[in-house]
Amino acid sequence: MSRKKQRKQTKAAPGYDKHHLLYYRRNWDIGYKQLLRRSFVYELPVEVHKKIHILAAGIPPLNEREAQDLWVEFNNAARRDMSLYEALDWLVANSPNDDFRDAIMTEYAVIRYCL
């Protein structure tokens, strides 16, 4: 199946956007960072998604070693079906540094406030 067809099949439901918990793409687009970014995608109402990007500054990128360690830990957890809140809890609990954890906690607070 072509990439174009794959993208079309993964569109969000009407009134919803796909939100990558690890955003912005330019910071998370290489190697293990990209694998992590693609693993934490959730559908959110459009208005909530917009508010997250306004109120939360984004998630600071990890260095490649931190991203690799987090990816290995994620695969060992083998929990591909985590809910949004379970994923946020997991990222906070397994954060490799304080800046990353603080940014995830801010995103968590904005999501809780908006939903």
Foldseek 3Di string as FASTA:
>chain_A
DDPVVVVVVPADDPQKHKDFLQDDCVQQPDDLSVVNRVLRIDIDGPVLRVQLVVQAVGAHHDPNVQSVVVSVVVVVVVCSPDDNVRVLVSCLVSPPDDSRNVSSVSSVVSNVVVD
